């Protein structure tokens, strides 16, 4: 027959293991959530960088085209004298 102390010890061991498993699962879940947030932030940063680089390339191309071409008189504002 089992003694009361052995039974209690086994029961406490099982409870400790269950609690430990629950804590480990919760910590893993928190880490996973943080990893997902980090991944989303990195993807957003990459997308923003690509958009900014494309806008910069278009702006440079427009600046180069404006510098190379002659002024169109229709584009110039008339000077006003005060």
PDB file of N, CA and C in Angstrom:
ATOM      1  N   UNK A   1       0.837  -1.169   0.000  1.00  0.00           N
ATOM      2  CA  UNK A   1       0.000   0.000   0.000  1.00  0.00           C
ATOM      3  C   UNK A   1       0.886   1.238   0.000  1.00  0.00           C
ATOM      4  N   UNK A   2       0.398   2.258  -0.652  1.00  0.00           N
ATOM      5  CA  UNK A   2       1.150   3.501  -0.722  1.00  0.00           C
ATOM      6  C   UNK A   2       0.979   4.281   0.578  1.00  0.00           C
ATOM      7  N   UNK A   3       2.035   4.938   0.930  1.00  0.00           N
ATOM      8  CA  UNK A   3       1.926   5.779   2.117  1.00  0.00           C
ATOM      9  C   UNK A   3       1.346   7.122   1.725  1.00  0.00           C
ATOM     10  N   UNK A   4       0.806   7.807   2.661  1.00  0.00           N
ATOM     11  CA  UNK A   4       0.187   9.095   2.415  1.00  0.00           C
ATOM     12  C   UNK A   4       1.214  10.109   1.912  1.00  0.00           C
ATOM     13  N   UNK A   5       2.412  10.075   2.451  1.00  0.00           N
ATOM     14  CA  UNK A   5       3.444  11.032   2.016  1.00  0.00           C
ATOM     15  C   UNK A   5       3.874  10.765   0.568  1.00  0.00           C
ATOM     16  N   UNK A   6       3.946   9.492   0.171  1.00  0.00           N
ATOM     17  CA  UNK A   6       4.315   9.163  -1.209  1.00  0.00           C
ATOM     18  C   UNK A   6       3.212   9.600  -2.161  1.00  0.00           C
ATOM     19  N   UNK A   7       1.990   9.402  -1.781  1.00  0.00           N
ATOM     20  CA  UNK A   7       0.856   9.810  -2.591  1.00  0.00           C
ATOM     21  C   UNK A   7       0.812  11.331  -2.733  1.00  0.00           C
ATOM     22  N   UNK A   8       1.016  12.012  -1.631  1.00  0.00           N
ATOM     23  CA  UNK A   8       1.030  13.475  -1.639  1.00  0.00           C
ATOM     24  C   UNK A   8       2.197  14.003  -2.470  1.00  0.00           C
ATOM     25  N   UNK A   9       3.328  13.371  -2.342  1.00  0.00           N
ATOM     26  CA  UNK A   9       4.504  13.773  -3.108  1.00  0.00           C
ATOM     27  C   UNK A   9       4.257  13.597  -4.607  1.00  0.00           C
ATOM     28  N   UNK A  10       3.654  12.492  -4.997  1.00  0.00           N
ATOM     29  CA  UNK A  10       3.350  12.234  -6.407  1.00  0.00           C
ATOM     30  C   UNK A  10       2.334  13.250  -6.923  1.00  0.00           C
ATOM     31  N   UNK A  11       1.324  13.524  -6.131  1.00  0.00           N
ATOM     32  CA  UNK A  11       0.304  14.485  -6.517  1.00  0.00           C
ATOM     33  C   UNK A  11       0.900  15.881  -6.688  1.00  0.00           C
ATOM     34  N   UNK A  12       1.728  16.280  -5.747  1.00  0.00           N
ATOM     35  CA  UNK A  12       2.381  17.593  -5.853  1.00  0.00           C
ATOM     36  C   UNK A  12       3.320  17.654  -7.059  1.00  0.00           C
ATOM     37  N   UNK A  13       3.998  16.575  -7.346  1.00  0.00           N
ATOM     38  CA  UNK A  13       4.870  16.514  -8.523  1.00  0.00           C
ATOM     39  C   UNK A  13       4.083  16.682  -9.812  1.00  0.00           C
ATOM     40  N   UNK A  14       2.915  16.012  -9.890  1.00  0.00           N
ATOM     41  CA  UNK A  14       2.062  16.147 -11.075  1.00  0.00           C
ATOM     42  C   UNK A  14       1.521  17.559 -11.214  1.00  0.00           C
ATOM     43  N   UNK A  15       1.097  18.163 -10.123  1.00  0.00           N
ATOM     44  CA  UNK A  15       0.610  19.540 -10.158  1.00  0.00           C
ATOM     45  C   UNK A  15       1.716  20.506 -10.589  1.00  0.00           C
ATOM     46  N   UNK A  16       2.905  20.302 -10.075  1.00  0.00           N
ATOM     47  CA  UNK A  16       4.030  21.163 -10.441  1.00  0.00           C
ATOM     48  C   UNK A  16       4.346  21.039 -11.926  1.00  0.00           C
ATOM     49  N   UNK A  17       4.295  19.799 -12.433  1.00  0.00           N
ATOM     50  CA  UNK A  17       4.582  19.584 -13.849  1.00  0.00           C
ATOM     51  C   UNK A  17       3.506  20.238 -14.722  1.00  0.00           C
ATOM     52  N   UNK A  18       2.231  20.114 -14.314  1.00  0.00           N
ATOM     53  CA  UNK A  18       1.151  20.732 -15.074  1.00  0.00           C
ATOM     54  C   UNK A  18       1.292  22.258 -15.074  1.00  0.00           C
ATOM     55  N   UNK A  19       1.607  22.818 -13.919  1.00  0.00           N
ATOM     56  CA  UNK A  19       1.793  24.261 -13.821  1.00  0.00           C
ATOM     57  C   UNK A  19       2.977  24.704 -14.675  1.00  0.00           C
ATOM     58  N   UNK A  20       4.058  23.958 -14.609  1.00  0.00           N
ATOM     59  CA  UNK A  20       5.248  24.278 -15.400  1.00  0.00           C
ATOM     60  C   UNK A  20       4.942  24.227 -16.893  1.00  0.00           C
ATOM     61  N   UNK A  21       4.217  23.212 -17.322  1.00  0.00           N
ATOM     62  CA  UNK A  21       3.839  23.097 -18.738  1.00  0.00           C
ATOM     63  C   UNK A  21       2.965  24.274 -19.162  1.00  0.00           C
ATOM     64  N   UNK A  22       2.039  24.673 -18.294  1.00  0.00           N
ATOM     65  CA  UNK A  22       1.169  25.805 -18.621  1.00  0.00           C
ATOM     66  C   UNK A  22       1.974  27.090 -18.748  1.00  0.00           C
ATOM     67  N   UNK A  23       2.938  27.287 -17.863  1.00  0.00           N
ATOM     68  CA  UNK A  23       3.775  28.488 -17.919  1.00  0.00           C
ATOM     69  C   UNK A  23       4.618  28.483 -19.184  1.00  0.00           C
ATOM     70  N   UNK A  24       5.185  27.353 -19.516  1.00  0.00           N
ATOM     71  CA  UNK A  24       6.018  27.251 -20.722  1.00  0.00           C
ATOM     72  C   UNK A  24       5.177  27.531 -21.970  1.00  0.00           C
ATOM     73  N   UNK A  25       3.964  27.001 -22.012  1.00  0.00           N
ATOM     74  CA  UNK A  25       3.088  27.262 -23.166  1.00  0.00           C
ATOM     75  C   UNK A  25       2.741  28.740 -23.267  1.00  0.00           C
ATOM     76  N   UNK A  26       2.481  29.383 -22.142  1.00  0.00           N
ATOM     77  CA  UNK A  26       2.145  30.808 -22.147  1.00  0.00           C
ATOM     78  C   UNK A  26       3.342  31.643 -22.616  1.00  0.00           C
ATOM     79  N   UNK A  27       4.527  31.311 -22.133  1.00  0.00           N
ATOM     80  CA  UNK A  27       5.724  32.034 -22.550  1.00  0.00           C
ATOM     81  C   UNK A  27       5.972  31.831 -24.042  1.00  0.00           C
ATOM     82  N   UNK A  28       5.803  30.612 -24.520  1.00  0.00           N
ATOM     83  CA  UNK A  28       5.952  30.347 -25.952  1.00  0.00           C
ATOM     84  C   UNK A  28       4.937  31.138 -26.770  1.00  0.00           C
ATOM     85  N   UNK A  29       3.720  31.230 -26.273  1.00  0.00           N
ATOM     86  CA  UNK A  29       2.687  31.996 -26.959  1.00  0.00           C
ATOM     87  C   UNK A  29       3.060  33.482 -27.015  1.00  0.00           C
ATOM     88  N   UNK A  30       3.556  34.008 -25.918  1.00  0.00           N
ATOM     89  CA  UNK A  30       3.973  35.415 -25.894  1.00  0.00           C
ATOM     90  C   UNK A  30       5.131  35.666 -26.856  1.00  0.00           C
ATOM     91  N   UNK A  31       6.075  34.749 -26.894  1.00  0.00           N
ATOM     92  CA  UNK A  31       7.205  34.881 -27.825  1.00  0.00           C
ATOM     93  C   UNK A  31       6.718  34.833 -29.275  1.00  0.00           C
ATOM     94  N   UNK A  32       5.794  33.923 -29.544  1.00  0.00           N
ATOM     95  CA  UNK A  32       5.251  33.802 -30.895  1.00  0.00           C
ATOM     96  C   UNK A  32       4.546  35.097 -31.297  1.00  0.00           C
ATOM     97  N   UNK A  33       3.747  35.647 -30.379  1.00  0.00           N
ATOM     98  CA  UNK A  33       3.044  36.904 -30.668  1.00  0.00           C
ATOM     99  C   UNK A  33       4.029  38.029 -30.952  1.00  0.00           C
ATOM    100  N   UNK A  34       5.095  38.103 -30.156  1.00  0.00           N
ATOM    101  CA  UNK A  34       6.098  39.149 -30.365  1.00  0.00           C
ATOM    102  C   UNK A  34       6.815  38.943 -31.696  1.00  0.00           C
ATOM    103  N   UNK A  35       7.115  37.695 -32.029  1.00  0.00           N
ATOM    104  CA  UNK A  35       7.748  37.405 -33.320  1.00  0.00           C
ATOM    105  C   UNK A  35       6.853  37.828 -34.480  1.00  0.00           C
ATOM    106  N   UNK A  36       5.552  37.593 -34.348  1.00  0.00           N
ATOM    107  CA  UNK A  36       4.615  38.002 -35.391  1.00  0.00           C
ATOM    108  C   UNK A  36       4.575  39.523 -35.532  1.00  0.00           C
ATOM    109  N   UNK A  37       4.598  40.234 -34.401  1.00  0.00           N
ATOM    110  CA  UNK A  37       4.618  41.701 -34.464  1.00  0.00           C
ATOM    111  C   UNK A  37       5.915  42.201 -35.104  1.00  0.00           C
ATOM    112  N   UNK A  38       7.037  41.578 -34.731  1.00  0.00           N
ATOM    113  CA  UNK A  38       8.321  41.979 -35.317  1.00  0.00           C
ATOM    114  C   UNK A  38       8.340  41.726 -36.825  1.00  0.00           C
ATOM    115  N   UNK A  39       7.794  40.585 -37.234  1.00  0.00           N
ATOM    116  CA  UNK A  39       7.739  40.263 -38.659  1.00  0.00           C
ATOM    117  C   UNK A  39       6.870  41.274 -39.403  1.00  0.00           C
ATOM    118  N   UNK A  40       5.706  41.598 -38.843  1.00  0.00           N
ATOM    119  CA  UNK A  40       4.832  42.585 -39.473  1.00  0.00           C
ATOM    120  C   UNK A  40       5.484  43.948 -39.581  1.00  0.00           C
ATOM    121  N   UNK A  41       6.202  44.343 -38.534  1.00  0.00           N
ATOM    122  CA  UNK A  41       6.898  45.637 -38.559  1.00  0.00           C
ATOM    123  C   UNK A  41       8.005  45.637 -39.613  1.00  0.00           C
ATOM    124  N   UNK A  42       8.715  44.538 -39.718  1.00  0.00           N
ATOM    125  CA  UNK A  42       9.788  44.452 -40.720  1.00  0.00           C
ATOM    126  C   UNK A  42       9.211  44.486 -42.134  1.00  0.00           C
ATOM    127  N   UNK A  43       8.100  43.797 -42.348  1.00  0.00           N
ATOM    128  CA  UNK A  43       7.475  43.807 -43.675  1.00  0.00           C
ATOM    129  C   UNK A  43       6.975  45.210 -44.018  1.00  0.00           C
ATOM    130  N   UNK A  44       6.400  45.901 -43.047  1.00  0.00           N
ATOM    131  CA  UNK A  44       5.922  47.262 -43.286  1.00  0.00           C
ATOM    132  C   UNK A  44       7.086  48.198 -43.581  1.00  0.00           C
ATOM    133  N   UNK A  45       8.179  48.035 -42.847  1.00  0.00           N
ATOM    134  CA  UNK A  45       9.356  48.872 -43.088  1.00  0.00           C
ATOM    135  C   UNK A  45       9.915  48.634 -44.487  1.00  0.00           C
ATOM    136  N   UNK A  46       9.974  47.374 -44.909  1.00  0.00           N
ATOM    137  CA  UNK A  46      10.476  47.063 -46.246  1.00  0.00           C
ATOM    138  C   UNK A  46       9.564  47.651 -47.324  1.00  0.00           C
ATOM    139  N   UNK A  47       8.261  47.522 -47.133  1.00  0.00           N
ATOM    140  CA  UNK A  47       7.325  48.074 -48.112  1.00  0.00           C
ATOM    141  C   UNK A  47       7.445  49.592 -48.180  1.00  0.00           C
ATOM    142  N   UNK A  48       7.578  50.233 -47.034  1.00  0.00           N
ATOM    143  CA  UNK A  48       7.718  51.691 -47.005  1.00  0.00           C
ATOM    144  C   UNK A  48       9.012  52.132 -47.678  1.00  0.00           C
ATOM    145  N   UNK A  49      10.065  51.374 -47.456  1.00  0.00           N
ATOM    146  CA  UNK A  49      11.346  51.694 -48.090  1.00  0.00           C
ATOM    147  C   UNK A  49      11.241  51.579 -49.606  1.00  0.00           C
ATOM    148  N   UNK A  50      10.578  50.529 -50.081  1.00  0.00           N
ATOM    149  CA  UNK A  50      10.410  50.355 -51.529  1.00  0.00           C
ATOM    150  C   UNK A  50       9.605  51.503 -52.131  1.00  0.00           C
ATOM    151  N   UNK A  51       8.546  51.907 -51.456  1.00  0.00           N
ATOM    152  CA  UNK A  51       7.731  53.020 -51.952  1.00  0.00           C
ATOM    153  C   UNK A  51       8.550  54.302 -51.969  1.00  0.00           C
ATOM    154  N   UNK A  52       9.295  54.559 -50.904  1.00  0.00           N
ATOM    155  CA  UNK A  52      10.106  55.777 -50.831  1.00  0.00           C
ATOM    156  C   UNK A  52      11.189  55.779 -51.912  1.00  0.00           C
ATOM    157  N   UNK A  53      11.810  54.636 -52.146  1.00  0.00           N
ATOM    158  CA  UNK A  53      12.842  54.563 -53.185  1.00  0.00           C
ATOM    159  C   UNK A  53      12.241  54.785 -54.567  1.00  0.00           C
ATOM    160  N   UNK A  54      11.053  54.255 -54.806  1.00  0.00           N
ATOM    161  CA  UNK A  54      10.394  54.462 -56.103  1.00  0.00           C
ATOM    162  C   UNK A  54      10.032  55.932 -56.290  1.00  0.00           C
ATOM    163  N   UNK A  55       9.533  56.570 -55.238  1.00  0.00           N
ATOM    164  CA  UNK A  55       9.201  57.995 -55.319  1.00  0.00           C
ATOM    165  C   UNK A  55      10.455  58.832 -55.563  1.00  0.00           C
ATOM    166  N   UNK A  56      11.532  58.465 -54.889  1.00  0.00           N
ATOM    167  CA  UNK A  56      12.789  59.198 -55.075  1.00  0.00           C
ATOM    168  C   UNK A  56      13.301  59.027 -56.504  1.00  0.00           C
ATOM    169  N   UNK A  57      13.196  57.839 -57.061  1.00  0.00           N
ATOM    170  CA  UNK A  57      13.648  57.598 -58.435  1.00  0.00           C
ATOM    171  C   UNK A  57      12.824  58.426 -59.420  1.00  0.00           C
ATOM    172  N   UNK A  58      11.490  58.490 -59.197  1.00  0.00           N
ATOM    173  CA  UNK A  58      10.651  59.305 -60.076  1.00  0.00           C
ATOM    174  C   UNK A  58      10.992  60.788 -59.946  1.00  0.00           C
ATOM    175  N   UNK A  59      11.270  61.224 -58.752  1.00  0.00           N
ATOM    176  CA  UNK A  59      11.623  62.630 -58.540  1.00  0.00           C
ATOM    177  C   UNK A  59      12.956  62.963 -59.207  1.00  0.00           C
ATOM    178  N   UNK A  60      13.910  62.053 -59.094  1.00  0.00           N
ATOM    179  CA  UNK A  60      15.214  62.292 -59.748  1.00  0.00           C
ATOM    180  C   UNK A  60      15.059  62.320 -61.268  1.00  0.00           C
ATOM    181  N   UNK A  61      14.242  61.399 -61.803  1.00  0.00           N
ATOM    182  CA  UNK A  61      14.027  61.368 -63.251  1.00  0.00           C
ATOM    183  C   UNK A  61      13.354  62.659 -63.702  1.00  0.00           C
ATOM    184  N   UNK A  62      12.395  63.144 -62.939  1.00  0.00           N
ATOM    185  CA  UNK A  62      11.722  64.390 -63.295  1.00  0.00           C
ATOM    186  C   UNK A  62      12.689  65.573 -63.209  1.00  0.00           C
ATOM    187  N   UNK A  63      13.547  65.569 -62.193  1.00  0.00           N
ATOM    188  CA  UNK A  63      14.535  66.647 -62.058  1.00  0.00           C
ATOM    189  C   UNK A  63      15.529  66.618 -63.212  1.00  0.00           C
ATOM    190  N   UNK A  64      15.972  65.418 -63.582  1.00  0.00           N
ATOM    191  CA  UNK A  64      16.908  65.297 -64.707  1.00  0.00           C
ATOM    192  C   UNK A  64      16.250  65.748 -66.009  1.00  0.00           C
ATOM    193  N   UNK A  65      14.996  65.364 -66.207  1.00  0.00           N
ATOM    194  CA  UNK A  65      14.293  65.768 -67.425  1.00  0.00           C
ATOM    195  C   UNK A  65      14.102  67.280 -67.448  1.00  0.00           C
ATOM    196  N   UNK A  66      13.815  67.856 -66.313  1.00  0.00           N
ATOM    197  CA  UNK A  66      13.623  69.308 -66.257  1.00  0.00           C
ATOM    198  C   UNK A  66      14.937  70.037 -66.494  1.00  0.00           C
ATOM    199  N   UNK A  67      16.023  69.491 -66.012  1.00  0.00           N
ATOM    200  CA  UNK A  67      17.327  70.140 -66.175  1.00  0.00           C
ATOM    201  C   UNK A  67      17.812  70.032 -67.619  1.00  0.00           C
ATOM    202  N   UNK A  68      17.475  68.934 -68.288  1.00  0.00           N
ATOM    203  CA  UNK A  68      17.966  68.710 -69.648  1.00  0.00           C
ATOM    204  C   UNK A  68      17.147  69.445 -70.702  1.00  0.00           C
ATOM    205  N   UNK A  69      15.878  69.650 -70.452  1.00  0.00           N
ATOM    206  CA  UNK A  69      15.016  70.227 -71.477  1.00  0.00           C
ATOM    207  C   UNK A  69      14.975  71.743 -71.412  1.00  0.00           C
ATOM    208  N   UNK A  70      14.570  72.302 -72.523  1.00  0.00           N
ATOM    209  CA  UNK A  70      14.412  73.757 -72.576  1.00  0.00           C
ATOM    210  C   UNK A  70      13.103  74.129 -71.891  1.00  0.00           C
ATOM    211  N   UNK A  71      13.053  75.335 -71.383  1.00  0.00           N
ATOM    212  CA  UNK A  71      11.830  75.803 -70.732  1.00  0.00           C
ATOM    213  C   UNK A  71      10.740  76.008 -71.764  1.00  0.00           C
ATOM    214  N   UNK A  72       9.563  75.560 -71.438  1.00  0.00           N
ATOM    215  CA  UNK A  72       8.405  75.764 -72.280  1.00  0.00           C
ATOM    216  C   UNK A  72       7.754  77.073 -71.828  1.00  0.00           C
ATOM    217  N   UNK A  73       7.618  78.031 -72.725  1.00  0.00           N
ATOM    218  CA  UNK A  73       7.046  79.318 -72.316  1.00  0.00           C
ATOM    219  C   UNK A  73       5.640  79.188 -71.749  1.00  0.00           C
ATOM    220  N   UNK A  74       4.902  78.177 -72.158  1.00  0.00           N
ATOM    221  CA  UNK A  74       3.551  77.991 -71.625  1.00  0.00           C
ATOM    222  C   UNK A  74       3.576  77.567 -70.156  1.00  0.00           C
ATOM    223  N   UNK A  75       4.701  76.995 -69.706  1.00  0.00           N
ATOM    224  CA  UNK A  75       4.802  76.538 -68.325  1.00  0.00           C
ATOM    225  C   UNK A  75       5.239  77.644 -67.376  1.00  0.00           C
ATOM    226  N   UNK A  76       5.785  78.705 -67.930  1.00  0.00           N
ATOM    227  CA  UNK A  76       6.319  79.775 -67.082  1.00  0.00           C
ATOM    228  C   UNK A  76       5.212  80.724 -66.671  1.00  0.00           C
ATOM    229  N   UNK A  77       5.250  81.145 -65.446  1.00  0.00           N
ATOM    230  CA  UNK A  77       4.284  82.132 -64.956  1.00  0.00           C
ATOM    231  C   UNK A  77       4.736  83.505 -65.405  1.00  0.00           C
ATOM    232  N   UNK A  78       3.790  84.352 -65.787  1.00  0.00           N
ATOM    233  CA  UNK A  78       4.190  85.717 -66.173  1.00  0.00           C
ATOM    234  C   UNK A  78       4.672  86.460 -64.938  1.00  0.00           C
ATOM    235  N   UNK A  79       5.660  87.250 -65.135  1.00  0.00           N
ATOM    236  CA  UNK A  79       6.190  88.045 -64.023  1.00  0.00           C
ATOM    237  C   UNK A  79       5.228  89.194 -63.747  1.00  0.00           C
ATOM    238  N   UNK A  80       5.018  89.419 -62.516  1.00  0.00           N
ATOM    239  CA  UNK A  80       4.161  90.540 -62.146  1.00  0.00           C
ATOM    240  C   UNK A  80       5.047  91.636 -61.573  1.00  0.00           C
ATOM    241  N   UNK A  81       4.740  92.833 -61.948  1.00  0.00           N
ATOM    242  CA  UNK A  81       5.511  93.966 -61.437  1.00  0.00           C
ATOM    243  C   UNK A  81       4.624  94.724 -60.461  1.00  0.00           C
ATOM    244  N   UNK A  82       5.229  95.157 -59.410  1.00  0.00           N
ATOM    245  CA  UNK A  82       4.463  95.888 -58.412  1.00  0.00           C
ATOM    246  C   UNK A  82       4.703  97.351 -58.525  1.00  0.00           C
TER     247      UNK A  82
END
